[in-house]
């Protein structure tokens, strides 16, 4: 005669095995370290250094948006800045490069009429101590207009397509009004 195991005992054995596994796994995890005081903690994101506080805030906001919507972010940069998605994904995966950096590099390249790789190389050449204002100063031709107007318009367009709120500053308001006047003038011809 065959004796079947008691289901209650089987369940207890399985629960005990699971508990022992969890204890064993927990023993291999590092001990949590208390958070450093605020003064010792590194900043969430270093200052972008574009020379434009409004732009720096928006780039930090892109850093919060892009991880949740990586394909929408990469598609935006590909379609409107002309940089392949694979390059954008690869750039963001590099140490020291955040989505805001990638967005700025590629749209700055468009505003300066060059390619994103050239902008990225210049930024990398400056190293960790360099900032975006230095990149602009190095790559901008003396007769070229300030690229931040074009960057603000690109930012406004991206936020509209992403369905994100954007609080325009005075420079962006003027640029949007100027663009609307130009569209109206072309439509009236």
N, C-alpha and C. Protein backbone atom coordinates (compact mmCIF):
# COMPACT_ATOMS: atom_id res chain seq x y z
N UNK A 1 0.84 -1.17 0.00
CA UNK A 1 0.00 0.00 0.00
C UNK A 1 0.89 1.23 0.00
N UNK A 2 0.53 2.16 -0.86
CA UNK A 2 1.29 3.40 -0.99
C UNK A 2 0.72 4.46 -0.07
N UNK A 3 1.61 5.17 0.61
CA UNK A 3 1.17 6.23 1.52
C UNK A 3 1.48 7.57 0.84
N UNK A 4 0.45 8.36 0.70
CA UNK A 4 0.61 9.69 0.11
C UNK A 4 1.03 10.69 1.19
N UNK A 5 1.91 11.63 0.82
CA UNK A 5 2.34 12.60 1.83
C UNK A 5 1.18 13.49 2.24
N UNK A 6 1.22 13.91 3.45
CA UNK A 6 0.20 14.81 3.99
C UNK A 6 0.38 16.17 3.32
N UNK A 7 -0.66 16.71 2.64
CA UNK A 7 -0.52 18.00 1.95
C UNK A 7 -0.10 19.11 2.90
N UNK A 8 -0.55 19.05 4.14
CA UNK A 8 -0.18 20.08 5.11
C UNK A 8 1.34 20.07 5.36
N UNK A 9 1.92 18.88 5.49
CA UNK A 9 3.37 18.76 5.71
C UNK A 9 4.15 19.21 4.48
N UNK A 10 3.65 18.87 3.29
CA UNK A 10 4.31 19.27 2.05
C UNK A 10 4.36 20.79 1.96
N UNK A 11 3.24 21.44 2.28
CA UNK A 11 3.18 22.89 2.22
C UNK A 11 4.15 23.49 3.24
N UNK A 12 4.20 22.96 4.43
CA UNK A 12 5.12 23.47 5.44
C UNK A 12 6.58 23.30 5.00
N UNK A 13 6.89 22.19 4.39
CA UNK A 13 8.25 21.95 3.91
C UNK A 13 8.63 22.96 2.83
N UNK A 14 7.69 23.21 1.91
CA UNK A 14 7.96 24.18 0.84
C UNK A 14 8.13 25.58 1.41
N UNK A 15 7.29 25.94 2.37
CA UNK A 15 7.40 27.27 2.97
C UNK A 15 8.72 27.41 3.73
N UNK A 16 9.13 26.35 4.43
CA UNK A 16 10.39 26.38 5.16
C UNK A 16 11.55 26.50 4.18
N UNK A 17 11.49 25.77 3.07
CA UNK A 17 12.54 25.86 2.04
C UNK A 17 12.62 27.27 1.47
N UNK A 18 11.48 27.86 1.18
CA UNK A 18 11.44 29.22 0.65
C UNK A 18 12.02 30.21 1.66
N UNK A 19 11.65 30.05 2.92
CA UNK A 19 12.17 30.94 3.97
C UNK A 19 13.68 30.81 4.09
N UNK A 20 14.20 29.60 4.02
CA UNK A 20 15.64 29.40 4.10
C UNK A 20 16.35 30.01 2.90
N UNK A 21 15.75 29.90 1.72
CA UNK A 21 16.33 30.51 0.51
C UNK A 21 16.38 32.03 0.65
N UNK A 22 15.29 32.62 1.13
CA UNK A 22 15.25 34.06 1.31
C UNK A 22 16.28 34.53 2.31
N UNK A 23 16.47 33.77 3.39
CA UNK A 23 17.48 34.12 4.39
C UNK A 23 18.86 34.03 3.76
N UNK A 24 19.10 32.98 2.97
CA UNK A 24 20.40 32.81 2.33
C UNK A 24 20.68 33.94 1.35
N UNK A 25 19.69 34.32 0.56
CA UNK A 25 19.85 35.42 -0.40
C UNK A 25 20.10 36.72 0.35
N UNK A 26 19.35 36.95 1.41
CA UNK A 26 19.51 38.17 2.21
C UNK A 26 20.88 38.26 2.82
N UNK A 27 21.47 37.14 3.16
CA UNK A 27 22.79 37.14 3.77
C UNK A 27 23.86 37.56 2.77
N UNK A 28 23.58 37.38 1.47
CA UNK A 28 24.58 37.73 0.46
C UNK A 28 24.44 39.17 -0.03
N UNK A 29 23.35 39.84 0.34
CA UNK A 29 23.17 41.23 -0.07
C UNK A 29 24.02 42.15 0.79
N UNK A 30 24.51 43.26 0.20
CA UNK A 30 25.29 44.18 1.01
C UNK A 30 24.43 44.84 2.07
N UNK A 31 25.06 45.18 3.17
CA UNK A 31 24.36 45.87 4.24
C UNK A 31 24.06 47.29 3.79
N UNK A 32 22.81 47.75 3.95
CA UNK A 32 22.49 49.11 3.54
C UNK A 32 23.32 50.12 4.32
N UNK A 33 23.73 51.16 3.62
CA UNK A 33 24.50 52.22 4.24
C UNK A 33 23.57 53.41 4.43
N UNK A 34 23.67 54.06 5.55
CA UNK A 34 22.83 55.23 5.81
C UNK A 34 23.16 56.31 4.79
N UNK A 35 22.14 57.05 4.36
CA UNK A 35 22.34 58.12 3.39
C UNK A 35 23.25 59.19 3.97
N UNK A 36 24.09 59.72 3.12
CA UNK A 36 24.98 60.79 3.54
C UNK A 36 24.18 62.05 3.81
N UNK A 37 24.65 62.87 4.72
CA UNK A 37 23.96 64.15 4.93
C UNK A 37 23.91 64.94 3.63
N UNK A 38 22.93 65.82 3.51
CA UNK A 38 22.71 66.57 2.27
C UNK A 38 23.97 67.29 1.80
N UNK A 39 24.77 67.80 2.69
CA UNK A 39 25.97 68.53 2.29
C UNK A 39 27.00 67.61 1.64
N UNK A 40 27.01 66.31 1.99
CA UNK A 40 27.98 65.38 1.44
C UNK A 40 27.49 64.66 0.19
N UNK A 41 26.19 64.66 -0.03
CA UNK A 41 25.62 63.96 -1.17
C UNK A 41 25.91 64.72 -2.46
N UNK A 42 26.26 64.00 -3.53
CA UNK A 42 26.46 64.69 -4.80
C UNK A 42 25.11 65.19 -5.34
N UNK A 43 25.14 66.21 -6.13
CA UNK A 43 23.92 66.75 -6.73
C UNK A 43 23.32 65.71 -7.65
N UNK A 44 21.99 65.72 -7.79
CA UNK A 44 21.32 64.78 -8.69
C UNK A 44 21.87 64.92 -10.10
N UNK A 45 22.05 66.12 -10.54
CA UNK A 45 22.57 66.38 -11.88
C UNK A 45 23.47 67.59 -11.82
N UNK A 46 24.70 67.44 -12.26
CA UNK A 46 25.55 68.61 -12.27
C UNK A 46 24.96 69.70 -13.16
N UNK A 47 25.33 70.90 -12.88
CA UNK A 47 24.88 72.05 -13.67
C UNK A 47 25.28 71.84 -15.12
N UNK A 48 24.37 72.06 -16.04
CA UNK A 48 24.67 71.86 -17.46
C UNK A 48 25.66 72.87 -18.00
N UNK A 49 25.60 74.07 -17.48
CA UNK A 49 26.57 75.06 -17.91
C UNK A 49 26.33 75.58 -19.32
N UNK A 50 25.06 75.74 -19.69
CA UNK A 50 24.78 76.31 -21.02
C UNK A 50 24.93 77.82 -21.03
N UNK A 51 25.00 78.40 -19.83
CA UNK A 51 25.01 79.85 -19.74
C UNK A 51 23.61 80.41 -19.75
N UNK A 52 22.61 79.55 -19.65
CA UNK A 52 21.20 79.92 -19.75
C UNK A 52 20.44 79.09 -18.72
N UNK A 53 20.05 79.73 -17.61
CA UNK A 53 19.40 79.00 -16.51
C UNK A 53 18.11 78.33 -16.95
N UNK A 54 17.32 78.98 -17.80
CA UNK A 54 16.08 78.40 -18.29
C UNK A 54 16.37 77.10 -19.05
N UNK A 55 17.36 77.15 -19.93
CA UNK A 55 17.73 75.96 -20.72
C UNK A 55 18.24 74.86 -19.80
N UNK A 56 19.06 75.21 -18.82
CA UNK A 56 19.56 74.19 -17.88
C UNK A 56 18.41 73.48 -17.17
N UNK A 57 17.39 74.23 -16.78
CA UNK A 57 16.23 73.61 -16.10
C UNK A 57 15.49 72.67 -17.04
N UNK A 58 15.32 73.06 -18.28
CA UNK A 58 14.61 72.21 -19.23
C UNK A 58 15.40 70.94 -19.53
N UNK A 59 16.72 71.06 -19.63
CA UNK A 59 17.55 69.87 -19.88
C UNK A 59 17.45 68.90 -18.70
N UNK A 60 17.41 69.43 -17.49
CA UNK A 60 17.22 68.57 -16.31
C UNK A 60 15.85 67.90 -16.37
N UNK A 61 14.84 68.61 -16.87
CA UNK A 61 13.51 68.02 -17.02
C UNK A 61 13.53 66.90 -18.06
N UNK A 62 14.27 67.08 -19.13
CA UNK A 62 14.41 66.02 -20.14
C UNK A 62 15.06 64.79 -19.50
N UNK A 63 16.00 65.01 -18.57
CA UNK A 63 16.61 63.88 -17.85
C UNK A 63 15.56 63.08 -17.08
N UNK A 64 14.52 63.75 -16.61
CA UNK A 64 13.45 63.04 -15.89
C UNK A 64 12.48 62.38 -16.87
N UNK A 65 12.24 62.99 -18.02
CA UNK A 65 11.27 62.48 -19.00
C UNK A 65 11.81 61.26 -19.77
N UNK A 66 13.00 61.37 -20.29
CA UNK A 66 13.53 60.37 -21.23
C UNK A 66 13.60 58.95 -20.69
N UNK A 67 13.98 58.71 -19.43
CA UNK A 67 14.01 57.32 -18.97
C UNK A 67 12.64 56.64 -18.99
N UNK A 68 11.57 57.41 -18.81
CA UNK A 68 10.22 56.85 -18.86
C UNK A 68 9.73 56.64 -20.29
N UNK A 69 10.24 57.42 -21.24
CA UNK A 69 9.80 57.37 -22.64
C UNK A 69 11.02 57.38 -23.56
N UNK A 70 11.88 56.37 -23.45
CA UNK A 70 13.13 56.39 -24.23
C UNK A 70 12.92 56.39 -25.74
N UNK A 71 11.90 55.70 -26.22
CA UNK A 71 11.68 55.67 -27.66
C UNK A 71 11.13 56.99 -28.19
N UNK A 72 10.22 57.61 -27.44
CA UNK A 72 9.70 58.92 -27.85
C UNK A 72 10.83 59.95 -27.85
N UNK A 73 11.69 59.87 -26.86
CA UNK A 73 12.83 60.78 -26.78
C UNK A 73 13.76 60.57 -27.98
N UNK A 74 14.16 59.33 -28.22
CA UNK A 74 15.09 59.04 -29.32
C UNK A 74 14.46 59.36 -30.68
N UNK A 75 13.17 59.10 -30.83
CA UNK A 75 12.48 59.41 -32.09
C UNK A 75 12.47 60.92 -32.33
N UNK A 76 12.27 61.69 -31.29
CA UNK A 76 12.28 63.15 -31.41
C UNK A 76 13.64 63.65 -31.91
N UNK A 77 14.70 63.14 -31.30
CA UNK A 77 16.04 63.58 -31.68
C UNK A 77 16.37 63.11 -33.10
N UNK A 78 15.95 61.90 -33.43
CA UNK A 78 16.22 61.39 -34.78
C UNK A 78 15.47 62.20 -35.83
N UNK A 79 14.20 62.39 -35.61
CA UNK A 79 13.38 63.04 -36.64
C UNK A 79 13.67 64.54 -36.79
N UNK A 80 13.87 65.22 -35.67
CA UNK A 80 13.96 66.68 -35.74
C UNK A 80 15.38 67.23 -35.62
N UNK A 81 16.33 66.42 -35.16
CA UNK A 81 17.72 66.87 -35.13
C UNK A 81 18.57 66.09 -36.14
N UNK A 82 17.99 65.03 -36.71
CA UNK A 82 18.69 64.28 -37.75
C UNK A 82 19.76 63.34 -37.24
N UNK A 83 19.66 62.90 -35.99
CA UNK A 83 20.65 61.99 -35.40
C UNK A 83 20.00 60.61 -35.25
N UNK A 84 20.63 59.56 -35.76
CA UNK A 84 20.03 58.21 -35.67
C UNK A 84 19.74 57.80 -34.22
N UNK A 85 18.63 57.08 -34.05
CA UNK A 85 18.23 56.61 -32.72
C UNK A 85 19.31 55.80 -32.03
N UNK A 86 19.95 54.93 -32.79
CA UNK A 86 20.99 54.08 -32.19
C UNK A 86 22.10 54.94 -31.60
N UNK A 87 22.45 56.02 -32.28
CA UNK A 87 23.49 56.92 -31.77
C UNK A 87 23.00 57.61 -30.49
N UNK A 88 21.74 58.04 -30.48
CA UNK A 88 21.18 58.71 -29.30
C UNK A 88 21.17 57.74 -28.11
N UNK A 89 20.69 56.51 -28.32
CA UNK A 89 20.67 55.52 -27.24
C UNK A 89 22.10 55.24 -26.75
N UNK A 90 23.03 55.09 -27.68
CA UNK A 90 24.42 54.84 -27.31
C UNK A 90 25.04 55.99 -26.54
N UNK A 91 24.72 57.19 -26.94
CA UNK A 91 25.25 58.38 -26.26
C UNK A 91 24.74 58.46 -24.82
N UNK A 92 23.45 58.24 -24.65
CA UNK A 92 22.86 58.30 -23.30
C UNK A 92 23.42 57.18 -22.41
N UNK A 93 23.85 56.09 -23.00
CA UNK A 93 24.41 54.97 -22.23
C UNK A 93 25.85 55.25 -21.77
N UNK A 94 26.49 56.27 -22.33
CA UNK A 94 27.87 56.60 -21.97
C UNK A 94 27.93 57.28 -20.60
N UNK A 95 28.93 56.96 -19.80
CA UNK A 95 29.08 57.65 -18.51
C UNK A 95 29.22 59.16 -18.72
N UNK A 96 28.52 59.92 -17.91
CA UNK A 96 28.61 61.37 -17.99
C UNK A 96 27.68 62.00 -19.02
N UNK A 97 26.92 61.20 -19.75
CA UNK A 97 26.00 61.73 -20.74
C UNK A 97 24.57 61.39 -20.32
N UNK A 98 23.80 62.40 -20.08
CA UNK A 98 22.39 62.24 -19.73
C UNK A 98 21.54 62.57 -20.94
N UNK A 99 20.25 62.24 -20.90
CA UNK A 99 19.38 62.58 -22.03
C UNK A 99 19.40 64.08 -22.36
N UNK A 100 19.46 64.93 -21.34
CA UNK A 100 19.53 66.37 -21.60
C UNK A 100 20.77 66.74 -22.39
N UNK A 101 21.89 66.10 -22.08
CA UNK A 101 23.13 66.34 -22.83
C UNK A 101 22.96 65.92 -24.28
N UNK A 102 22.40 64.73 -24.49
CA UNK A 102 22.22 64.22 -25.85
C UNK A 102 21.29 65.14 -26.64
N UNK A 103 20.17 65.54 -26.02
CA UNK A 103 19.24 66.44 -26.71
C UNK A 103 19.95 67.74 -27.08
N UNK A 104 20.65 68.33 -26.13
CA UNK A 104 21.32 69.60 -26.35
C UNK A 104 22.38 69.47 -27.45
N UNK A 105 23.19 68.43 -27.38
CA UNK A 105 24.25 68.23 -28.38
C UNK A 105 23.68 68.14 -29.78
N UNK A 106 22.64 67.34 -29.95
CA UNK A 106 22.11 67.11 -31.29
C UNK A 106 21.34 68.31 -31.83
N UNK A 107 20.57 68.98 -30.99
CA UNK A 107 19.86 70.17 -31.45
C UNK A 107 20.79 71.37 -31.58
N UNK A 108 21.84 71.43 -30.78
CA UNK A 108 22.85 72.46 -30.96
C UNK A 108 23.54 72.26 -32.31
N UNK A 109 23.83 71.03 -32.65
CA UNK A 109 24.45 70.74 -33.95
C UNK A 109 23.56 71.24 -35.09
N UNK A 110 22.26 71.00 -34.96
CA UNK A 110 21.33 71.48 -36.00
C UNK A 110 21.36 73.00 -36.07
N UNK A 111 21.35 73.67 -34.91
CA UNK A 111 21.35 75.14 -34.88
C UNK A 111 22.65 75.71 -35.44
N UNK A 112 23.76 74.99 -35.24
CA UNK A 112 25.06 75.46 -35.72
C UNK A 112 25.38 74.94 -37.12
N UNK A 113 24.46 74.20 -37.70
CA UNK A 113 24.61 73.62 -39.04
C UNK A 113 25.85 72.73 -39.14
N UNK A 114 25.96 71.83 -38.17
CA UNK A 114 27.01 70.82 -38.19
C UNK A 114 26.37 69.49 -37.78
N UNK A 115 27.17 68.47 -37.55
CA UNK A 115 26.60 67.18 -37.16
C UNK A 115 26.78 66.95 -35.66
N UNK A 116 25.92 66.12 -35.11
CA UNK A 116 25.92 65.86 -33.67
C UNK A 116 27.24 65.26 -33.21
N UNK A 117 27.84 64.39 -34.01
CA UNK A 117 29.10 63.76 -33.63
C UNK A 117 30.19 64.81 -33.40
N UNK A 118 30.23 65.86 -34.21
CA UNK A 118 31.23 66.93 -34.02
C UNK A 118 31.02 67.64 -32.70
N UNK A 119 29.77 67.89 -32.36
CA UNK A 119 29.46 68.55 -31.09
C UNK A 119 29.84 67.63 -29.93
N UNK A 120 29.51 66.36 -30.04
CA UNK A 120 29.83 65.39 -28.99
C UNK A 120 31.35 65.29 -28.82
N UNK A 121 32.09 65.24 -29.92
CA UNK A 121 33.55 65.16 -29.83
C UNK A 121 34.12 66.39 -29.12
N UNK A 122 33.59 67.58 -29.45
CA UNK A 122 34.08 68.79 -28.80
C UNK A 122 33.78 68.77 -27.31
N UNK A 123 32.59 68.34 -26.95
CA UNK A 123 32.21 68.25 -25.53
C UNK A 123 33.11 67.26 -24.81
N UNK A 124 33.37 66.12 -25.43
CA UNK A 124 34.23 65.10 -24.83
C UNK A 124 35.67 65.61 -24.70
N UNK A 125 36.12 66.38 -25.68
CA UNK A 125 37.48 66.92 -25.65
C UNK A 125 37.67 67.84 -24.44
N UNK A 126 36.62 68.57 -24.06
CA UNK A 126 36.71 69.48 -22.92
C UNK A 126 36.77 68.74 -21.59
N UNK A 127 36.30 67.50 -21.56
CA UNK A 127 36.35 66.69 -20.36
C UNK A 127 35.29 67.06 -19.34
N UNK A 128 35.40 66.48 -18.18
CA UNK A 128 34.39 66.65 -17.12
C UNK A 128 34.29 68.10 -16.65
N UNK A 129 35.35 68.86 -16.76
CA UNK A 129 35.33 70.24 -16.29
C UNK A 129 34.72 71.20 -17.31
N UNK A 130 34.59 70.77 -18.54
CA UNK A 130 34.03 71.63 -19.58
C UNK A 130 32.53 71.77 -19.44
N UNK A 131 31.98 72.81 -20.04
CA UNK A 131 30.53 72.96 -20.02
C UNK A 131 30.04 73.31 -21.43
N UNK A 132 28.72 73.35 -21.57
CA UNK A 132 28.13 73.57 -22.88
C UNK A 132 28.41 74.96 -23.43
N UNK A 133 28.53 75.96 -22.55
CA UNK A 133 28.84 77.31 -23.03
C UNK A 133 30.19 77.31 -23.76
N UNK A 134 31.15 76.54 -23.26
CA UNK A 134 32.45 76.45 -23.93
C UNK A 134 32.33 75.78 -25.29
N UNK A 135 31.48 74.76 -25.38
CA UNK A 135 31.28 74.08 -26.66
C UNK A 135 30.69 75.06 -27.68
N UNK A 136 29.69 75.82 -27.26
CA UNK A 136 29.07 76.81 -28.15
C UNK A 136 30.12 77.83 -28.59
N UNK A 137 30.90 78.35 -27.66
CA UNK A 137 31.92 79.35 -28.00
C UNK A 137 32.93 78.79 -29.00
N UNK A 138 33.27 77.54 -28.86
CA UNK A 138 34.26 76.92 -29.75
C UNK A 138 33.70 76.67 -31.15
N UNK A 139 32.44 76.22 -31.24
CA UNK A 139 31.88 75.81 -32.53
C UNK A 139 31.10 76.89 -33.28
N UNK A 140 30.63 77.90 -32.57
CA UNK A 140 29.80 78.94 -33.21
C UNK A 140 30.67 79.89 -34.04
N UNK A 141 30.25 80.10 -35.28
CA UNK A 141 30.94 81.05 -36.15
C UNK A 141 30.61 82.47 -35.66
N UNK A 142 31.55 83.39 -35.76
CA UNK A 142 31.32 84.75 -35.24
C UNK A 142 30.07 85.43 -35.80
N UNK A 143 29.75 85.20 -37.05
CA UNK A 143 28.59 85.86 -37.67
C UNK A 143 27.27 85.12 -37.45
N UNK A 144 27.34 83.93 -36.85
CA UNK A 144 26.14 83.10 -36.65
C UNK A 144 25.29 83.68 -35.51
N UNK A 145 23.96 83.53 -35.64
CA UNK A 145 23.09 84.01 -34.56
C UNK A 145 23.23 83.13 -33.31
N UNK A 146 22.77 83.66 -32.19
CA UNK A 146 22.78 82.91 -30.94
C UNK A 146 21.95 81.64 -31.13
N UNK A 147 22.54 80.46 -30.91
CA UNK A 147 21.79 79.22 -31.14
C UNK A 147 20.69 78.98 -30.10
N UNK A 148 20.71 79.71 -28.99
CA UNK A 148 19.71 79.46 -27.95
C UNK A 148 18.30 79.82 -28.37
N UNK A 149 18.13 80.71 -29.33
CA UNK A 149 16.79 81.00 -29.82
C UNK A 149 16.25 79.78 -30.56
N UNK A 150 17.06 79.22 -31.45
CA UNK A 150 16.65 78.01 -32.19
C UNK A 150 16.45 76.84 -31.23
N UNK A 151 17.31 76.73 -30.21
CA UNK A 151 17.18 75.65 -29.23
C UNK A 151 15.88 75.79 -28.43
N UNK A 152 15.51 77.02 -28.08
CA UNK A 152 14.26 77.23 -27.35
C UNK A 152 13.06 76.84 -28.21
N UNK A 153 13.07 77.21 -29.48
CA UNK A 153 11.97 76.83 -30.36
C UNK A 153 11.90 75.31 -30.51
N UNK A 154 13.05 74.66 -30.65
CA UNK A 154 13.07 73.19 -30.75
C UNK A 154 12.54 72.57 -29.46
N UNK A 155 12.89 73.16 -28.33
CA UNK A 155 12.42 72.67 -27.03
C UNK A 155 10.90 72.81 -26.94
N UNK A 156 10.37 73.96 -27.34
CA UNK A 156 8.92 74.18 -27.30
C UNK A 156 8.20 73.18 -28.20
N UNK A 157 8.75 72.94 -29.38
CA UNK A 157 8.13 71.98 -30.30
C UNK A 157 8.17 70.56 -29.74
N UNK A 158 9.31 70.18 -29.15
CA UNK A 158 9.43 68.84 -28.56
C UNK A 158 8.43 68.66 -27.42
N UNK A 159 8.32 69.65 -26.56
CA UNK A 159 7.39 69.55 -25.43
C UNK A 159 5.95 69.46 -25.92
N UNK A 160 5.63 70.18 -26.98
CA UNK A 160 4.28 70.10 -27.54
C UNK A 160 4.02 68.68 -28.05
N UNK A 161 4.96 68.12 -28.79
CA UNK A 161 4.78 66.76 -29.32
C UNK A 161 4.73 65.73 -28.21
N UNK A 162 5.48 65.93 -27.13
CA UNK A 162 5.48 65.00 -26.01
C UNK A 162 4.27 65.19 -25.10
N UNK A 163 3.52 66.25 -25.30
CA UNK A 163 2.37 66.52 -24.44
C UNK A 163 2.78 66.96 -23.05
N UNK A 164 3.92 67.64 -22.96
CA UNK A 164 4.44 68.12 -21.67
C UNK A 164 4.24 69.63 -21.57
N UNK A 165 3.97 70.06 -20.34
CA UNK A 165 3.85 71.49 -20.09
C UNK A 165 5.22 72.14 -20.14
N UNK A 166 5.25 73.35 -20.67
CA UNK A 166 6.48 74.11 -20.74
C UNK A 166 6.16 75.56 -20.42
N UNK A 167 6.83 76.10 -19.45
CA UNK A 167 6.66 77.50 -19.07
C UNK A 167 7.67 78.33 -19.86
N UNK A 168 7.21 79.07 -20.89
CA UNK A 168 8.17 79.83 -21.69
C UNK A 168 8.72 81.02 -20.91
N UNK A 169 9.97 81.34 -21.18
CA UNK A 169 10.53 82.57 -20.64
C UNK A 169 10.32 83.68 -21.68
N UNK A 170 10.77 84.86 -21.38
CA UNK A 170 10.54 86.01 -22.27
C UNK A 170 11.18 85.79 -23.64
N UNK A 171 12.37 85.20 -23.67
CA UNK A 171 13.05 84.96 -24.94
C UNK A 171 12.27 83.99 -25.81
N UNK A 172 11.75 82.93 -25.21
CA UNK A 172 10.96 81.97 -25.98
C UNK A 172 9.66 82.60 -26.45
N UNK A 173 9.00 83.39 -25.61
CA UNK A 173 7.76 84.06 -26.04
C UNK A 173 8.01 84.92 -27.27
N UNK A 174 9.08 85.71 -27.25
CA UNK A 174 9.41 86.56 -28.41
C UNK A 174 9.69 85.71 -29.65
N UNK A 175 10.45 84.62 -29.47
CA UNK A 175 10.78 83.75 -30.60
C UNK A 175 9.53 83.10 -31.18
N UNK A 176 8.60 82.67 -30.33
CA UNK A 176 7.35 82.08 -30.81
C UNK A 176 6.50 83.11 -31.55
N UNK A 177 6.44 84.34 -31.03
CA UNK A 177 5.69 85.41 -31.71
C UNK A 177 6.31 85.73 -33.06
N UNK A 178 7.64 85.80 -33.11
CA UNK A 178 8.33 86.07 -34.38
C UNK A 178 8.07 84.96 -35.38
N UNK A 179 8.11 83.72 -34.94
CA UNK A 179 7.86 82.60 -35.84
C UNK A 179 6.43 82.65 -36.36
N UNK A 180 5.49 83.01 -35.51
CA UNK A 180 4.10 83.11 -35.95
C UNK A 180 3.93 84.23 -36.98
N UNK A 181 4.58 85.36 -36.76
CA UNK A 181 4.51 86.46 -37.75
C UNK A 181 5.08 86.01 -39.09
N UNK A 182 6.20 85.27 -39.05
CA UNK A 182 6.82 84.79 -40.29
C UNK A 182 5.90 83.80 -41.01
N UNK A 183 5.25 82.91 -40.26
CA UNK A 183 4.30 81.96 -40.87
C UNK A 183 3.13 82.71 -41.49
N UNK A 184 2.62 83.71 -40.77
CA UNK A 184 1.49 84.49 -41.29
C UNK A 184 1.90 85.24 -42.55
N UNK A 185 3.10 85.80 -42.59
CA UNK A 185 3.57 86.53 -43.76
C UNK A 185 3.72 85.59 -44.96
N UNK A 186 4.22 84.38 -44.72
CA UNK A 186 4.34 83.42 -45.83
C UNK A 186 2.99 82.96 -46.32
N UNK A 187 2.04 82.80 -45.40
CA UNK A 187 0.69 82.35 -45.78
C UNK A 187 -0.06 83.44 -46.52
N UNK A 188 0.27 84.71 -46.25
CA UNK A 188 -0.42 85.83 -46.89
C UNK A 188 0.08 86.15 -48.29
N UNK A 189 1.16 85.54 -48.71
CA UNK A 189 1.71 85.84 -50.05
C UNK A 189 0.84 85.37 -51.14
